[in-house]
């Protein structure tokens, strides 16, 4: 904020100005909406400096605040309270699924100070066995970006394994909603890549499931991120490090 803009040296007076009185200066509502998240990210950056001696740049702080703002508003577009134990939302269904239609559970793990995100998948195999996948890639802007990256990665893995008809499941309700809306500027590149890969599927659906129903993919993603370097595992067996590493980062 430019020096001299705030009306006084008092913190509470300035917060009142920033969150309410600033409207009198005709600041756009879209800009004002970000102010609480900017203040929150500044506080987190301050704590990171004091307790961990970590320096968070102003640019990164603003990017995180912007991403958190959009993620919060994405969650508010649902018009009614949703019971996580019963909800199932599907999108982009192209034709009736065949009998014994395979499914793929997907999850991502994101940390503000991590260099990598973790991605996990559990893919139903036609033989009745499962395929377990875990991968890491460079850090992304927000948890929502990580969830989208995990979905796109899982779609690519499925196609490489020969699956062109698949039902994907995620515990990120915002991701399901955003794909249905298809109008989120901060995720424009991800949406473009999603549409390109989606065109290779004969049948595709994305459904929300409660977090307790996605535990395995969650452990795989957390375990991968905890390893601290980038590699990919796609195998009928669960990697031995997955459970231990997942516990280490919660």
C-alpha atoms as a PDB file:
ATOM      1  CA  UNK A   1       0.000   0.000   0.000  1.00  0.00           C
ATOM      2  CA  UNK A   2       1.418   3.414  -0.935  1.00  0.00           C
ATOM      3  CA  UNK A   3       2.719   5.380   2.101  1.00  0.00           C
ATOM      4  CA  UNK A   4       0.254   8.013   3.253  1.00  0.00           C
ATOM      5  CA  UNK A   5      -2.837   6.172   2.039  1.00  0.00           C
ATOM      6  CA  UNK A   6      -3.834   4.911   5.488  1.00  0.00           C
ATOM      7  CA  UNK A   7      -5.497   7.547   7.698  1.00  0.00           C
ATOM      8  CA  UNK A   8      -3.502   6.942  10.902  1.00  0.00           C
ATOM      9  CA  UNK A   9      -0.830   4.887  12.627  1.00  0.00           C
ATOM     10  CA  UNK A  10      -3.439   2.855  14.524  1.00  0.00           C
ATOM     11  CA  UNK A  11      -3.762  -0.762  13.391  1.00  0.00           C
ATOM     12  CA  UNK A  12      -7.482  -1.080  14.111  1.00  0.00           C
ATOM     13  CA  UNK A  13      -8.298   2.274  12.516  1.00  0.00           C
ATOM     14  CA  UNK A  14      -6.409   1.259   9.398  1.00  0.00           C
ATOM     15  CA  UNK A  15      -8.105  -2.136   9.275  1.00  0.00           C
ATOM     16  CA  UNK A  16     -11.462  -0.386   9.499  1.00  0.00           C
ATOM     17  CA  UNK A  17     -10.396   1.810   6.598  1.00  0.00           C
ATOM     18  CA  UNK A  18      -9.089  -1.125   4.572  1.00  0.00           C
ATOM     19  CA  UNK A  19     -12.100  -3.384   5.027  1.00  0.00           C
ATOM     20  CA  UNK A  20     -14.984  -0.887   5.087  1.00  0.00           C
ATOM     21  CA  UNK A  21     -14.217   2.840   4.592  1.00  0.00           C
ATOM     22  CA  UNK A  22     -12.205   2.198   1.438  1.00  0.00           C
ATOM     23  CA  UNK A  23     -15.493   1.726  -0.430  1.00  0.00           C
ATOM     24  CA  UNK A  24     -16.004   5.477  -0.157  1.00  0.00           C
ATOM     25  CA  UNK A  25     -12.948   5.881  -2.416  1.00  0.00           C
ATOM     26  CA  UNK A  26     -14.722   3.888  -5.161  1.00  0.00           C
ATOM     27  CA  UNK A  27     -12.322   0.951  -5.011  1.00  0.00           C
ATOM     28  CA  UNK A  28     -13.844  -1.926  -7.069  1.00  0.00           C
ATOM     29  CA  UNK A  29     -15.577  -4.648  -5.052  1.00  0.00           C
ATOM     30  CA  UNK A  30     -13.456  -7.318  -6.766  1.00  0.00           C
ATOM     31  CA  UNK A  31     -10.339  -5.640  -5.365  1.00  0.00           C
ATOM     32  CA  UNK A  32     -11.829  -5.170  -1.898  1.00  0.00           C
ATOM     33  CA  UNK A  33     -12.757  -8.860  -1.787  1.00  0.00           C
ATOM     34  CA  UNK A  34      -9.057  -9.748  -1.756  1.00  0.00           C
ATOM     35  CA  UNK A  35      -8.105  -7.503   1.183  1.00  0.00           C
ATOM     36  CA  UNK A  36      -8.919  -9.964   4.021  1.00  0.00           C
ATOM     37  CA  UNK A  37      -6.935 -12.699   2.279  1.00  0.00           C
ATOM     38  CA  UNK A  38      -3.998 -10.349   1.687  1.00  0.00           C
ATOM     39  CA  UNK A  39      -3.955  -9.427   5.387  1.00  0.00           C
ATOM     40  CA  UNK A  40      -4.116 -13.127   6.311  1.00  0.00           C
ATOM     41  CA  UNK A  41      -1.250 -14.037   3.983  1.00  0.00           C
ATOM     42  CA  UNK A  42       0.819 -11.122   5.319  1.00  0.00           C
ATOM     43  CA  UNK A  43       0.315 -12.482   8.843  1.00  0.00           C
ATOM     44  CA  UNK A  44       1.332 -15.977   7.728  1.00  0.00           C
ATOM     45  CA  UNK A  45       4.412 -14.551   5.985  1.00  0.00           C
ATOM     46  CA  UNK A  46       5.283 -12.679   9.180  1.00  0.00           C
ATOM     47  CA  UNK A  47       5.007 -15.910  11.206  1.00  0.00           C
ATOM     48  CA  UNK A  48       7.138 -17.744   8.655  1.00  0.00           C
ATOM     49  CA  UNK A  49       9.850 -15.117   9.061  1.00  0.00           C
ATOM     50  CA  UNK A  50       9.709 -15.039  12.868  1.00  0.00           C
ATOM     51  CA  UNK A  51       9.436 -18.767  13.563  1.00  0.00           C
ATOM     52  CA  UNK A  52      11.099 -20.381  10.535  1.00  0.00           C
ATOM     53  CA  UNK A  53      13.329 -17.598   9.187  1.00  0.00           C
ATOM     54  CA  UNK A  54      11.608 -18.073   5.816  1.00  0.00           C
ATOM     55  CA  UNK A  55      11.270 -15.123   3.457  1.00  0.00           C
ATOM     56  CA  UNK A  56       8.017 -14.928   1.489  1.00  0.00           C
ATOM     57  CA  UNK A  57       8.165 -12.355  -1.301  1.00  0.00           C
ATOM     58  CA  UNK A  58       5.393  -9.748  -1.658  1.00  0.00           C
ATOM     59  CA  UNK A  59       4.622 -11.138  -5.119  1.00  0.00           C
ATOM     60  CA  UNK A  60       4.156 -14.669  -3.782  1.00  0.00           C
ATOM     61  CA  UNK A  61       2.071 -13.373  -0.876  1.00  0.00           C
ATOM     62  CA  UNK A  62      -0.263 -11.573  -3.268  1.00  0.00           C
ATOM     63  CA  UNK A  63      -0.500 -14.590  -5.588  1.00  0.00           C
ATOM     64  CA  UNK A  64      -1.504 -16.807  -2.668  1.00  0.00           C
ATOM     65  CA  UNK A  65      -4.086 -14.273  -1.490  1.00  0.00           C
ATOM     66  CA  UNK A  66      -5.542 -14.006  -4.994  1.00  0.00           C
ATOM     67  CA  UNK A  67      -5.760 -17.789  -5.336  1.00  0.00           C
ATOM     68  CA  UNK A  68      -7.372 -18.197  -1.908  1.00  0.00           C
ATOM     69  CA  UNK A  69      -9.931 -15.509  -2.774  1.00  0.00           C
ATOM     70  CA  UNK A  70     -10.968 -17.283  -5.962  1.00  0.00           C
ATOM     71  CA  UNK A  71     -11.067 -20.649  -4.208  1.00  0.00           C
ATOM     72  CA  UNK A  72     -13.324 -19.245  -1.487  1.00  0.00           C
ATOM     73  CA  UNK A  73     -15.752 -17.719  -3.978  1.00  0.00           C
ATOM     74  CA  UNK A  74     -15.760 -20.973  -5.930  1.00  0.00           C
ATOM     75  CA  UNK A  75     -16.980 -22.737  -2.803  1.00  0.00           C
ATOM     76  CA  UNK A  76     -19.782 -20.212  -2.330  1.00  0.00           C
ATOM     77  CA  UNK A  77     -21.454 -20.781  -5.685  1.00  0.00           C
ATOM     78  CA  UNK A  78     -23.261 -23.826  -4.341  1.00  0.00           C
ATOM     79  CA  UNK A  79     -26.740 -22.638  -3.399  1.00  0.00           C
ATOM     80  CA  UNK A  80     -27.497 -25.137  -0.660  1.00  0.00           C
ATOM     81  CA  UNK A  81     -25.758 -26.958   2.148  1.00  0.00           C
ATOM     82  CA  UNK A  82     -24.456 -30.272   0.857  1.00  0.00           C
ATOM     83  CA  UNK A  83     -24.347 -33.443   2.899  1.00  0.00           C
ATOM     84  CA  UNK A  84     -20.902 -34.895   2.209  1.00  0.00           C
ATOM     85  CA  UNK A  85     -22.098 -38.371   3.107  1.00  0.00           C
ATOM     86  CA  UNK A  86     -24.648 -38.527   0.295  1.00  0.00           C
ATOM     87  CA  UNK A  87     -23.552 -36.132  -2.455  1.00  0.00           C
ATOM     88  CA  UNK A  88     -22.384 -37.305  -5.854  1.00  0.00           C
ATOM     89  CA  UNK A  89     -21.880 -34.686  -8.562  1.00  0.00           C
ATOM     90  CA  UNK A  90     -20.969 -35.745 -12.104  1.00  0.00           C
ATOM     91  CA  UNK A  91     -19.960 -33.714 -15.105  1.00  0.00           C
ATOM     92  CA  UNK A  92     -19.259 -34.215 -18.803  1.00  0.00           C
ATOM     93  CA  UNK A  93     -21.022 -37.558 -19.163  1.00  0.00           C
ATOM     94  CA  UNK A  94     -21.016 -38.467 -22.849  1.00  0.00           C
ATOM     95  CA  UNK A  95     -22.834 -41.790 -22.946  1.00  0.00           C
ATOM     96  CA  UNK A  96     -24.173 -44.505 -20.675  1.00  0.00           C
ATOM     97  CA  UNK A  97     -21.343 -46.286 -18.843  1.00  0.00           C
ATOM     98  CA  UNK A  98     -20.754 -49.976 -19.547  1.00  0.00           C
ATOM     99  CA  UNK A  99     -21.305 -52.715 -16.963  1.00  0.00           C
ATOM    100  CA  UNK A 100     -18.549 -52.929 -14.327  1.00  0.00           C
ATOM    101  CA  UNK A 101     -17.418 -49.457 -15.287  1.00  0.00           C
ATOM    102  CA  UNK A 102     -13.912 -48.788 -13.867  1.00  0.00           C
ATOM    103  CA  UNK A 103     -13.255 -45.869 -11.558  1.00  0.00           C
ATOM    104  CA  UNK A 104     -10.271 -43.789 -10.514  1.00  0.00           C
ATOM    105  CA  UNK A 105      -9.916 -41.975  -7.193  1.00  0.00           C
ATOM    106  CA  UNK A 106      -7.641 -38.930  -7.286  1.00  0.00           C
ATOM    107  CA  UNK A 107      -6.131 -36.648  -4.641  1.00  0.00           C
ATOM    108  CA  UNK A 108      -3.398 -34.034  -4.228  1.00  0.00           C
ATOM    109  CA  UNK A 109      -1.210 -32.809  -1.373  1.00  0.00           C
ATOM    110  CA  UNK A 110      -0.083 -29.163  -1.253  1.00  0.00           C
ATOM    111  CA  UNK A 111       1.989 -27.242   1.280  1.00  0.00           C
ATOM    112  CA  UNK A 112       2.756 -23.533   1.228  1.00  0.00           C
ATOM    113  CA  UNK A 113       6.476 -24.041   1.924  1.00  0.00           C
ATOM    114  CA  UNK A 114       6.923 -27.198  -0.162  1.00  0.00           C
ATOM    115  CA  UNK A 115       8.924 -27.287  -3.368  1.00  0.00           C
ATOM    116  CA  UNK A 116       6.678 -30.028  -4.756  1.00  0.00           C
ATOM    117  CA  UNK A 117       3.059 -31.116  -4.730  1.00  0.00           C
ATOM    118  CA  UNK A 118       2.113 -34.768  -4.356  1.00  0.00           C
ATOM    119  CA  UNK A 119      -0.482 -36.531  -6.498  1.00  0.00           C
ATOM    120  CA  UNK A 120      -2.111 -39.903  -5.894  1.00  0.00           C
ATOM    121  CA  UNK A 121      -4.531 -42.178  -7.719  1.00  0.00           C
ATOM    122  CA  UNK A 122      -6.225 -45.530  -7.210  1.00  0.00           C
ATOM    123  CA  UNK A 123      -7.422 -47.042 -10.485  1.00  0.00           C
ATOM    124  CA  UNK A 124      -9.828 -49.967 -10.691  1.00  0.00           C
ATOM    125  CA  UNK A 125      -8.326 -52.683 -12.885  1.00  0.00           C
ATOM    126  CA  UNK A 126     -10.451 -54.894 -15.117  1.00  0.00           C
ATOM    127  CA  UNK A 127      -9.008 -57.998 -13.441  1.00  0.00           C
ATOM    128  CA  UNK A 128     -10.376 -56.864 -10.106  1.00  0.00           C
ATOM    129  CA  UNK A 129      -7.015 -55.638  -8.833  1.00  0.00           C
ATOM    130  CA  UNK A 130      -6.086 -51.987  -8.387  1.00  0.00           C
ATOM    131  CA  UNK A 131      -3.362 -49.849  -9.889  1.00  0.00           C
ATOM    132  CA  UNK A 132      -1.792 -47.386  -7.455  1.00  0.00           C
ATOM    133  CA  UNK A 133      -0.151 -44.217  -8.688  1.00  0.00           C
ATOM    134  CA  UNK A 134       1.889 -41.503  -7.018  1.00  0.00           C
ATOM    135  CA  UNK A 135       3.756 -38.618  -8.565  1.00  0.00           C
ATOM    136  CA  UNK A 136       5.285 -35.275  -7.639  1.00  0.00           C
ATOM    137  CA  UNK A 137       5.764 -32.122  -9.652  1.00  0.00           C
ATOM    138  CA  UNK A 138       6.942 -28.591  -9.001  1.00  0.00           C
ATOM    139  CA  UNK A 139       4.943 -26.349  -6.671  1.00  0.00           C
ATOM    140  CA  UNK A 140       1.748 -24.689  -7.928  1.00  0.00           C
ATOM    141  CA  UNK A 141      -0.145 -21.602  -6.817  1.00  0.00           C
ATOM    142  CA  UNK A 142      -2.809 -23.072  -4.521  1.00  0.00           C
ATOM    143  CA  UNK A 143      -4.374 -26.320  -3.252  1.00  0.00           C
ATOM    144  CA  UNK A 144      -7.033 -25.997  -5.951  1.00  0.00           C
ATOM    145  CA  UNK A 145      -4.366 -25.825  -8.662  1.00  0.00           C
ATOM    146  CA  UNK A 146      -2.805 -28.945  -7.135  1.00  0.00           C
ATOM    147  CA  UNK A 147      -6.110 -30.843  -7.242  1.00  0.00           C
ATOM    148  CA  UNK A 148      -6.565 -29.895 -10.895  1.00  0.00           C
ATOM    149  CA  UNK A 149      -2.994 -30.950 -11.707  1.00  0.00           C
ATOM    150  CA  UNK A 150      -3.633 -34.320 -10.028  1.00  0.00           C
ATOM    151  CA  UNK A 151      -6.777 -34.892 -12.086  1.00  0.00           C
ATOM    152  CA  UNK A 152      -5.015 -34.057 -15.352  1.00  0.00           C
ATOM    153  CA  UNK A 153      -2.099 -36.336 -14.438  1.00  0.00           C
ATOM    154  CA  UNK A 154      -4.496 -39.187 -13.554  1.00  0.00           C
ATOM    155  CA  UNK A 155      -6.292 -38.756 -16.884  1.00  0.00           C
ATOM    156  CA  UNK A 156      -2.972 -39.047 -18.734  1.00  0.00           C
ATOM    157  CA  UNK A 157      -2.004 -42.164 -16.754  1.00  0.00           C
ATOM    158  CA  UNK A 158      -5.371 -43.775 -17.489  1.00  0.00           C
ATOM    159  CA  UNK A 159      -5.019 -43.145 -21.218  1.00  0.00           C
ATOM    160  CA  UNK A 160      -1.476 -44.555 -21.188  1.00  0.00           C
ATOM    161  CA  UNK A 161      -2.860 -47.718 -19.559  1.00  0.00           C
ATOM    162  CA  UNK A 162      -5.475 -48.022 -22.293  1.00  0.00           C
ATOM    163  CA  UNK A 163      -8.540 -46.698 -20.445  1.00  0.00           C
ATOM    164  CA  UNK A 164     -10.848 -44.542 -22.558  1.00  0.00           C
ATOM    165  CA  UNK A 165     -13.978 -44.952 -20.414  1.00  0.00           C
ATOM    166  CA  UNK A 166     -13.552 -44.054 -16.770  1.00  0.00           C
ATOM    167  CA  UNK A 167     -15.301 -42.473 -13.796  1.00  0.00           C
ATOM    168  CA  UNK A 168     -13.032 -40.200 -11.772  1.00  0.00           C
ATOM    169  CA  UNK A 169     -13.666 -39.388  -8.105  1.00  0.00           C
ATOM    170  CA  UNK A 170     -12.260 -36.562  -5.971  1.00  0.00           C
ATOM    171  CA  UNK A 171     -12.841 -35.215  -2.474  1.00  0.00           C
ATOM    172  CA  UNK A 172     -12.401 -31.649  -3.783  1.00  0.00           C
ATOM    173  CA  UNK A 173     -15.906 -30.303  -4.365  1.00  0.00           C
ATOM    174  CA  UNK A 174     -14.532 -27.027  -5.729  1.00  0.00           C
ATOM    175  CA  UNK A 175     -12.818 -28.912  -8.556  1.00  0.00           C
ATOM    176  CA  UNK A 176     -16.068 -30.564  -9.637  1.00  0.00           C
ATOM    177  CA  UNK A 177     -17.849 -27.218  -9.536  1.00  0.00           C
ATOM    178  CA  UNK A 178     -15.168 -25.372 -11.493  1.00  0.00           C
ATOM    179  CA  UNK A 179     -15.139 -27.947 -14.286  1.00  0.00           C
ATOM    180  CA  UNK A 180     -18.902 -27.595 -14.533  1.00  0.00           C
ATOM    181  CA  UNK A 181     -18.623 -23.790 -14.702  1.00  0.00           C
ATOM    182  CA  UNK A 182     -15.600 -23.723 -17.088  1.00  0.00           C
ATOM    183  CA  UNK A 183     -15.067 -20.009 -16.424  1.00  0.00           C
ATOM    184  CA  UNK A 184     -12.240 -19.422 -13.962  1.00  0.00           C
ATOM    185  CA  UNK A 185      -9.495 -17.097 -15.304  1.00  0.00           C
ATOM    186  CA  UNK A 186      -6.834 -18.247 -12.827  1.00  0.00           C
ATOM    187  CA  UNK A 187      -7.321 -21.840 -14.033  1.00  0.00           C
ATOM    188  CA  UNK A 188      -7.628 -21.058 -17.744  1.00  0.00           C
ATOM    189  CA  UNK A 189      -4.539 -23.023 -18.801  1.00  0.00           C
ATOM    190  CA  UNK A 190      -5.574 -26.027 -16.694  1.00  0.00           C
ATOM    191  CA  UNK A 191      -9.083 -25.966 -18.179  1.00  0.00           C
ATOM    192  CA  UNK A 192      -7.633 -25.848 -21.701  1.00  0.00           C
ATOM    193  CA  UNK A 193      -5.401 -28.848 -20.994  1.00  0.00           C
ATOM    194  CA  UNK A 194      -8.297 -30.686 -19.360  1.00  0.00           C
ATOM    195  CA  UNK A 195     -10.524 -30.204 -22.402  1.00  0.00           C
ATOM    196  CA  UNK A 196      -7.758 -31.394 -24.729  1.00  0.00           C
ATOM    197  CA  UNK A 197      -7.181 -34.619 -22.765  1.00  0.00           C
ATOM    198  CA  UNK A 198     -10.878 -35.125 -22.082  1.00  0.00           C
ATOM    199  CA  UNK A 199     -11.510 -35.320 -25.830  1.00  0.00           C
ATOM    200  CA  UNK A 200      -9.609 -38.646 -25.889  1.00  0.00           C
ATOM    201  CA  UNK A 201     -12.154 -40.318 -23.592  1.00  0.00           C
ATOM    202  CA  UNK A 202     -15.226 -42.120 -24.894  1.00  0.00           C
ATOM    203  CA  UNK A 203     -16.870 -41.802 -21.483  1.00  0.00           C
ATOM    204  CA  UNK A 204     -15.778 -39.477 -18.688  1.00  0.00           C
ATOM    205  CA  UNK A 205     -17.336 -38.389 -15.417  1.00  0.00           C
ATOM    206  CA  UNK A 206     -16.044 -36.575 -12.355  1.00  0.00           C
ATOM    207  CA  UNK A 207     -17.796 -37.122  -9.033  1.00  0.00           C
ATOM    208  CA  UNK A 208     -17.363 -35.821  -5.517  1.00  0.00           C
ATOM    209  CA  UNK A 209     -16.783 -38.340  -2.718  1.00  0.00           C
ATOM    210  CA  UNK A 210     -16.260 -37.740   1.023  1.00  0.00           C
ATOM    211  CA  UNK A 211     -12.649 -37.550   2.169  1.00  0.00           C
ATOM    212  CA  UNK A 212     -13.029 -40.741   4.206  1.00  0.00           C
ATOM    213  CA  UNK A 213     -13.718 -42.597   0.946  1.00  0.00           C
ATOM    214  CA  UNK A 214     -10.497 -41.300  -0.602  1.00  0.00           C
ATOM    215  CA  UNK A 215      -7.981 -42.297   2.049  1.00  0.00           C
ATOM    216  CA  UNK A 216      -5.683 -44.384  -0.157  1.00  0.00           C
ATOM    217  CA  UNK A 217      -5.209 -41.719  -2.837  1.00  0.00           C
ATOM    218  CA  UNK A 218      -4.708 -39.172  -0.045  1.00  0.00           C
ATOM    219  CA  UNK A 219      -1.916 -41.249   1.555  1.00  0.00           C
ATOM    220  CA  UNK A 220      -0.229 -41.721  -1.809  1.00  0.00           C
ATOM    221  CA  UNK A 221      -0.246 -37.983  -2.536  1.00  0.00           C
ATOM    222  CA  UNK A 222       1.003 -37.028   0.942  1.00  0.00           C
ATOM    223  CA  UNK A 223       3.673 -39.706   0.891  1.00  0.00           C
ATOM    224  CA  UNK A 224       4.926 -38.536  -2.480  1.00  0.00           C
ATOM    225  CA  UNK A 225       5.152 -34.900  -1.369  1.00  0.00           C
ATOM    226  CA  UNK A 226       6.936 -35.875   1.845  1.00  0.00           C
ATOM    227  CA  UNK A 227       9.690 -37.603  -0.155  1.00  0.00           C
ATOM    228  CA  UNK A 228      10.907 -34.163  -1.225  1.00  0.00           C
ATOM    229  CA  UNK A 229      11.826 -34.942  -4.813  1.00  0.00           C
ATOM    230  CA  UNK A 230      10.065 -35.646  -8.095  1.00  0.00           C
ATOM    231  CA  UNK A 231       9.393 -39.151  -9.353  1.00  0.00           C
ATOM    232  CA  UNK A 232       6.432 -41.278 -10.462  1.00  0.00           C
ATOM    233  CA  UNK A 233       5.129 -44.652  -9.273  1.00  0.00           C
ATOM    234  CA  UNK A 234       2.371 -46.519 -11.160  1.00  0.00           C
ATOM    235  CA  UNK A 235       2.102 -50.137 -10.082  1.00  0.00           C
ATOM    236  CA  UNK A 236      -0.349 -52.798  -8.822  1.00  0.00           C
ATOM    237  CA  UNK A 237       1.417 -52.620  -5.447  1.00  0.00           C
ATOM    238  CA  UNK A 238       1.317 -49.756  -2.953  1.00  0.00           C
ATOM    239  CA  UNK A 239       4.814 -48.288  -2.432  1.00  0.00           C
ATOM    240  CA  UNK A 240       6.230 -49.188   0.976  1.00  0.00           C
ATOM    241  CA  UNK A 241       7.044 -45.576   1.813  1.00  0.00           C
ATOM    242  CA  UNK A 242       3.513 -44.246   1.219  1.00  0.00           C
ATOM    243  CA  UNK A 243       1.936 -44.825   4.632  1.00  0.00           C
ATOM    244  CA  UNK A 244       4.986 -43.775   6.680  1.00  0.00           C
ATOM    245  CA  UNK A 245       5.675 -40.599   4.717  1.00  0.00           C
ATOM    246  CA  UNK A 246       1.994 -39.642   4.789  1.00  0.00           C
ATOM    247  CA  UNK A 247       1.969 -39.866   8.581  1.00  0.00           C
ATOM    248  CA  UNK A 248       5.035 -37.626   8.804  1.00  0.00           C
ATOM    249  CA  UNK A 249       3.277 -34.685   7.111  1.00  0.00           C
ATOM    250  CA  UNK A 250      -0.216 -35.370   8.442  1.00  0.00           C
END
